[in-house]
N, C-alpha and C. Protein backbone atom coordinates (compact mmCIF):
# COMPACT_ATOMS: atom_id res chain seq x y z
N MET A 1 80.69 -26.16 51.90
CA MET A 1 80.33 -27.34 52.65
C MET A 1 78.88 -27.19 53.07
N THR A 2 78.13 -28.22 52.90
CA THR A 2 76.71 -28.19 53.24
C THR A 2 76.48 -28.91 54.55
N LYS A 3 75.47 -28.42 55.25
CA LYS A 3 75.13 -29.05 56.52
C LYS A 3 74.24 -30.26 56.25
N PRO A 4 74.45 -31.28 57.04
CA PRO A 4 73.56 -32.43 56.84
C PRO A 4 72.16 -32.13 57.35
N VAL A 5 72.08 -31.32 58.42
CA VAL A 5 70.77 -31.01 59.01
C VAL A 5 70.64 -29.49 59.02
N PRO A 6 69.57 -28.90 58.48
CA PRO A 6 69.41 -27.45 58.51
C PRO A 6 69.11 -26.96 59.92
N ASP A 7 69.36 -25.66 60.12
CA ASP A 7 69.06 -25.06 61.43
C ASP A 7 67.57 -25.16 61.69
N PRO A 8 67.25 -25.40 62.95
CA PRO A 8 65.81 -25.44 63.25
C PRO A 8 65.22 -24.04 63.12
N PRO A 9 64.00 -23.89 62.72
CA PRO A 9 63.40 -22.56 62.63
C PRO A 9 63.28 -21.93 64.02
N LEU A 10 63.43 -20.60 64.04
CA LEU A 10 63.31 -19.90 65.32
C LEU A 10 61.85 -19.75 65.68
N GLU A 11 61.51 -20.32 66.79
CA GLU A 11 60.13 -20.18 67.28
C GLU A 11 60.18 -19.29 68.51
N THR A 12 59.41 -18.23 68.49
CA THR A 12 59.37 -17.32 69.62
C THR A 12 57.96 -17.28 70.16
N THR A 13 57.90 -16.96 71.43
CA THR A 13 56.60 -16.84 72.09
C THR A 13 56.12 -15.40 71.94
N PRO A 14 54.85 -15.18 72.14
CA PRO A 14 54.33 -13.80 72.07
C PRO A 14 54.98 -12.89 73.11
N LEU A 15 55.34 -13.44 74.28
CA LEU A 15 56.00 -12.64 75.31
C LEU A 15 57.38 -12.19 74.85
N GLU A 16 58.14 -13.07 74.23
CA GLU A 16 59.46 -12.70 73.70
C GLU A 16 59.33 -11.64 72.61
N ASP A 17 58.32 -11.80 71.74
CA ASP A 17 58.09 -10.79 70.70
C ASP A 17 57.77 -9.44 71.29
N ALA A 18 56.95 -9.42 72.33
CA ALA A 18 56.57 -8.16 72.98
C ALA A 18 57.79 -7.52 73.63
N LEU A 19 58.64 -8.32 74.29
CA LEU A 19 59.84 -7.78 74.93
C LEU A 19 60.81 -7.23 73.89
N ARG A 20 60.97 -7.95 72.77
CA ARG A 20 61.86 -7.49 71.71
C ARG A 20 61.33 -6.18 71.11
N ALA A 21 60.05 -6.07 70.92
CA ALA A 21 59.46 -4.84 70.37
C ALA A 21 59.62 -3.68 71.36
N ASP A 22 59.47 -3.98 72.66
CA ASP A 22 59.64 -2.95 73.69
C ASP A 22 61.09 -2.46 73.72
N ASP A 23 62.05 -3.39 73.61
CA ASP A 23 63.47 -3.01 73.57
C ASP A 23 63.77 -2.16 72.34
N GLN A 24 63.22 -2.52 71.20
CA GLN A 24 63.45 -1.74 69.99
C GLN A 24 62.86 -0.34 70.12
N LEU A 25 61.70 -0.23 70.74
CA LEU A 25 61.07 1.07 70.94
C LEU A 25 61.93 1.94 71.87
N LYS A 26 62.46 1.35 72.96
CA LYS A 26 63.31 2.10 73.88
C LYS A 26 64.60 2.53 73.17
N ASN A 27 65.16 1.64 72.36
CA ASN A 27 66.38 2.00 71.64
C ASN A 27 66.13 3.14 70.66
N ARG A 28 65.02 3.09 69.95
CA ARG A 28 64.70 4.17 69.01
C ARG A 28 64.53 5.50 69.73
N GLU A 29 63.87 5.47 70.91
CA GLU A 29 63.68 6.70 71.67
C GLU A 29 65.02 7.25 72.15
N ALA A 30 65.90 6.36 72.62
CA ALA A 30 67.22 6.81 73.08
C ALA A 30 68.03 7.40 71.93
N ILE A 31 67.97 6.77 70.78
CA ILE A 31 68.69 7.28 69.61
C ILE A 31 68.14 8.64 69.20
N LYS A 32 66.83 8.80 69.22
CA LYS A 32 66.22 10.08 68.85
C LYS A 32 66.65 11.18 69.83
N ARG A 33 66.65 10.86 71.14
CA ARG A 33 67.08 11.86 72.12
C ARG A 33 68.54 12.26 71.91
N ALA A 34 69.39 11.27 71.64
CA ALA A 34 70.81 11.57 71.43
C ALA A 34 71.01 12.42 70.18
N LEU A 35 70.34 12.08 69.10
CA LEU A 35 70.48 12.88 67.88
C LEU A 35 69.93 14.28 68.07
N ASP A 36 68.81 14.41 68.75
CA ASP A 36 68.25 15.74 68.99
C ASP A 36 69.19 16.58 69.86
N PHE A 37 69.83 15.91 70.83
CA PHE A 37 70.73 16.64 71.73
C PHE A 37 71.92 17.21 70.96
N TYR A 38 72.52 16.40 70.09
CA TYR A 38 73.73 16.84 69.40
C TYR A 38 73.45 17.60 68.10
N LEU A 39 72.38 17.27 67.42
CA LEU A 39 72.14 17.90 66.12
C LEU A 39 71.16 19.07 66.19
N SER A 40 70.35 19.13 67.22
CA SER A 40 69.38 20.23 67.36
C SER A 40 69.48 20.81 68.77
N PRO A 41 70.60 21.47 69.10
CA PRO A 41 70.73 22.00 70.46
C PRO A 41 69.77 23.17 70.68
N ASP A 42 69.51 23.42 71.94
CA ASP A 42 68.67 24.56 72.30
C ASP A 42 69.39 25.84 71.87
N PRO A 43 68.67 26.85 71.44
CA PRO A 43 69.33 28.10 71.05
C PRO A 43 70.02 28.72 72.26
N ILE A 44 71.20 29.31 72.00
CA ILE A 44 71.98 29.91 73.06
C ILE A 44 71.31 31.21 73.49
N LYS A 45 71.09 31.33 74.79
CA LYS A 45 70.47 32.54 75.31
C LYS A 45 71.53 33.64 75.38
N PRO A 46 71.18 34.86 75.00
CA PRO A 46 72.17 35.94 75.08
C PRO A 46 72.54 36.22 76.53
N ARG A 47 73.83 36.51 76.75
CA ARG A 47 74.31 36.77 78.10
C ARG A 47 73.87 38.18 78.53
N LEU A 48 73.25 38.24 79.67
CA LEU A 48 72.83 39.53 80.21
C LEU A 48 73.90 40.02 81.16
N PRO A 49 74.39 41.24 80.98
CA PRO A 49 75.44 41.73 81.88
C PRO A 49 74.88 41.97 83.28
N SER A 50 75.75 41.82 84.24
CA SER A 50 75.37 42.10 85.62
C SER A 50 75.09 43.59 85.77
N THR A 51 74.10 43.92 86.54
CA THR A 51 73.78 45.34 86.73
C THR A 51 74.43 45.89 87.99
N MET A 52 75.27 45.07 88.64
CA MET A 52 75.92 45.55 89.86
C MET A 52 76.93 46.66 89.53
N PHE A 53 77.76 46.43 88.53
CA PHE A 53 78.76 47.41 88.12
C PHE A 53 78.54 47.69 86.63
N LEU A 54 77.55 48.45 86.32
CA LEU A 54 77.18 48.71 84.94
C LEU A 54 77.67 50.10 84.53
N VAL A 55 78.37 50.15 83.41
CA VAL A 55 78.81 51.44 82.87
C VAL A 55 77.65 52.02 82.08
N HIS A 56 77.38 53.26 82.31
CA HIS A 56 76.26 53.92 81.63
C HIS A 56 76.45 53.82 80.12
N PRO A 57 75.44 53.36 79.38
CA PRO A 57 75.63 53.14 77.95
C PRO A 57 75.83 54.42 77.14
N ASN A 58 75.44 55.58 77.66
CA ASN A 58 75.57 56.82 76.90
C ASN A 58 76.84 57.61 77.22
N ILE A 59 77.74 57.04 78.02
CA ILE A 59 78.96 57.78 78.38
C ILE A 59 79.87 57.85 77.16
N ASP A 60 80.56 58.95 76.99
CA ASP A 60 81.38 59.14 75.80
C ASP A 60 82.70 58.37 75.91
N THR A 61 83.30 58.09 74.76
CA THR A 61 84.52 57.29 74.68
C THR A 61 85.69 57.98 75.38
N GLU A 62 85.77 59.28 75.25
CA GLU A 62 86.88 60.00 75.88
C GLU A 62 86.87 59.84 77.39
N SER A 63 85.70 59.92 77.99
CA SER A 63 85.61 59.75 79.45
C SER A 63 86.00 58.34 79.87
N LEU A 64 85.57 57.35 79.10
CA LEU A 64 85.94 55.97 79.41
C LEU A 64 87.45 55.77 79.32
N LEU A 65 88.05 56.32 78.27
CA LEU A 65 89.50 56.18 78.11
C LEU A 65 90.26 56.92 79.20
N ALA A 66 89.80 58.09 79.57
CA ALA A 66 90.46 58.84 80.63
C ALA A 66 90.40 58.09 81.95
N HIS A 67 89.25 57.48 82.24
CA HIS A 67 89.13 56.70 83.48
C HIS A 67 90.02 55.47 83.44
N ALA A 68 90.08 54.80 82.29
CA ALA A 68 90.95 53.62 82.16
C ALA A 68 92.41 54.01 82.32
N CYS A 69 92.79 55.14 81.78
CA CYS A 69 94.16 55.62 81.90
C CYS A 69 94.52 55.90 83.35
N GLU A 70 93.63 56.57 84.07
CA GLU A 70 93.87 56.87 85.48
C GLU A 70 93.93 55.60 86.33
N SER A 71 93.08 54.64 86.03
CA SER A 71 93.09 53.38 86.76
C SER A 71 94.39 52.61 86.52
N LEU A 72 94.85 52.59 85.27
CA LEU A 72 96.10 51.91 84.96
C LEU A 72 97.29 52.61 85.60
N ALA A 73 97.28 53.95 85.65
CA ALA A 73 98.36 54.68 86.30
C ALA A 73 98.41 54.35 87.80
N SER A 74 97.24 54.25 88.42
CA SER A 74 97.19 53.89 89.85
C SER A 74 97.71 52.47 90.06
N ALA A 75 97.30 51.54 89.19
CA ALA A 75 97.77 50.16 89.31
C ALA A 75 99.28 50.08 89.10
N HIS A 76 99.81 50.89 88.20
CA HIS A 76 101.26 50.94 87.95
C HIS A 76 102.01 51.34 89.22
N VAL A 77 101.54 52.39 89.89
CA VAL A 77 102.18 52.87 91.11
C VAL A 77 102.05 51.84 92.23
N MET A 78 100.86 51.25 92.38
CA MET A 78 100.66 50.26 93.44
C MET A 78 101.54 49.03 93.24
N ALA A 79 101.67 48.57 91.99
CA ALA A 79 102.51 47.41 91.72
C ALA A 79 103.98 47.73 92.02
N GLY A 80 104.43 48.93 91.71
CA GLY A 80 105.80 49.33 92.02
C GLY A 80 106.06 49.39 93.51
N ASP A 81 105.12 49.99 94.25
CA ASP A 81 105.27 50.05 95.71
C ASP A 81 105.26 48.65 96.32
N PHE A 82 104.41 47.79 95.81
CA PHE A 82 104.33 46.42 96.33
C PHE A 82 105.61 45.66 96.02
N ALA A 83 106.19 45.87 94.84
CA ALA A 83 107.42 45.16 94.45
C ALA A 83 108.58 45.55 95.36
N ASP A 84 108.59 46.79 95.84
CA ASP A 84 109.67 47.23 96.74
C ASP A 84 109.67 46.48 98.06
N GLN A 85 108.54 45.93 98.46
CA GLN A 85 108.43 45.25 99.76
C GLN A 85 108.69 43.75 99.66
N LEU A 86 108.92 43.24 98.46
CA LEU A 86 109.06 41.80 98.27
C LEU A 86 110.51 41.39 98.14
N SER A 87 110.76 40.08 98.35
CA SER A 87 112.10 39.53 98.15
C SER A 87 112.30 39.20 96.68
N ARG A 88 113.45 38.69 96.33
CA ARG A 88 113.88 38.58 94.94
C ARG A 88 112.91 37.87 93.99
N PRO A 89 112.51 36.60 94.21
CA PRO A 89 111.68 35.94 93.17
C PRO A 89 110.30 36.60 93.01
N GLN A 90 109.67 36.94 94.12
CA GLN A 90 108.36 37.56 94.04
C GLN A 90 108.45 38.99 93.50
N ARG A 91 109.57 39.64 93.76
CA ARG A 91 109.75 41.01 93.28
C ARG A 91 109.78 41.04 91.74
N SER A 92 110.43 40.05 91.16
CA SER A 92 110.49 39.99 89.69
C SER A 92 109.09 39.83 89.10
N THR A 93 108.26 39.01 89.73
CA THR A 93 106.89 38.82 89.26
C THR A 93 106.09 40.11 89.36
N ALA A 94 106.21 40.79 90.50
CA ALA A 94 105.47 42.04 90.69
C ALA A 94 105.94 43.11 89.70
N LEU A 95 107.24 43.16 89.41
CA LEU A 95 107.75 44.13 88.43
C LEU A 95 107.28 43.81 87.02
N ALA A 96 107.15 42.52 86.72
CA ALA A 96 106.61 42.13 85.41
C ALA A 96 105.15 42.57 85.28
N ILE A 97 104.39 42.40 86.34
CA ILE A 97 102.99 42.86 86.33
C ILE A 97 102.95 44.37 86.17
N GLN A 98 103.86 45.08 86.86
CA GLN A 98 103.92 46.53 86.73
C GLN A 98 104.22 46.94 85.29
N GLN A 99 105.10 46.22 84.63
CA GLN A 99 105.46 46.55 83.26
C GLN A 99 104.27 46.33 82.31
N ILE A 100 103.52 45.24 82.51
CA ILE A 100 102.34 44.98 81.68
C ILE A 100 101.30 46.09 81.86
N VAL A 101 101.11 46.51 83.11
CA VAL A 101 100.15 47.59 83.37
C VAL A 101 100.62 48.88 82.72
N MET A 102 101.94 49.13 82.78
CA MET A 102 102.48 50.35 82.17
C MET A 102 102.28 50.34 80.65
N LEU A 103 102.49 49.18 80.02
CA LEU A 103 102.29 49.09 78.57
C LEU A 103 100.82 49.31 78.20
N ALA A 104 99.91 48.77 79.03
CA ALA A 104 98.49 49.00 78.78
C ALA A 104 98.15 50.48 78.94
N GLU A 105 98.76 51.12 79.93
CA GLU A 105 98.53 52.55 80.15
C GLU A 105 99.01 53.36 78.95
N LEU A 106 100.17 53.00 78.41
CA LEU A 106 100.69 53.70 77.23
C LEU A 106 99.76 53.53 76.03
N ALA A 107 99.23 52.33 75.86
CA ALA A 107 98.31 52.09 74.74
C ALA A 107 97.03 52.92 74.89
N VAL A 108 96.50 52.98 76.10
CA VAL A 108 95.28 53.77 76.33
C VAL A 108 95.58 55.25 76.12
N ASN A 109 96.75 55.70 76.56
CA ASN A 109 97.12 57.10 76.33
C ASN A 109 97.19 57.43 74.84
N ARG A 110 97.73 56.50 74.05
CA ARG A 110 97.82 56.72 72.60
C ARG A 110 96.42 56.83 72.00
N VAL A 111 95.52 55.95 72.41
CA VAL A 111 94.15 56.00 71.89
C VAL A 111 93.48 57.30 72.33
N LEU A 112 93.73 57.71 73.56
CA LEU A 112 93.13 58.95 74.06
C LEU A 112 93.65 60.14 73.27
N ASP A 113 94.93 60.12 72.89
CA ASP A 113 95.47 61.21 72.05
C ASP A 113 94.80 61.24 70.69
N ARG A 114 94.46 60.08 70.15
CA ARG A 114 93.81 60.04 68.84
C ARG A 114 92.36 60.50 68.92
N VAL A 115 91.71 60.25 70.05
CA VAL A 115 90.31 60.66 70.22
C VAL A 115 90.24 62.17 70.42
N ASP A 116 91.12 62.71 71.26
CA ASP A 116 91.13 64.14 71.55
C ASP A 116 92.56 64.65 71.42
N PRO A 117 93.01 64.94 70.21
CA PRO A 117 94.40 65.38 70.05
C PRO A 117 94.64 66.70 70.75
N GLN A 118 95.71 66.74 71.52
CA GLN A 118 96.06 67.96 72.28
C GLN A 118 97.00 68.79 71.41
N SER A 119 96.48 69.78 70.71
CA SER A 119 97.29 70.59 69.79
C SER A 119 97.84 71.80 70.47
């Protein structure tokens, strides 16, 4: 179907043209910032460990494992003593924590035996 009268031509003023160009420029800048943010992220900075509780880097593996084993044994005893003072539902939770600590202690003991086998 044809129109009897064609659309009138679009006539714009210089002010409208300037505003349209300014909007296009702002849109292009926003698009560039968004693409740069997602496609070119800043490089990840390496995490620096806190120096408050720093393990000496030259300490031997056997000493670290022995200390971990002793710490886990202490936690095992403390969790057991704490579980004795609790009522039923909380006692079950404390005993479960004690069991997890005990399993970790056994694993560390096994690794310690492999590092320094006691013949």
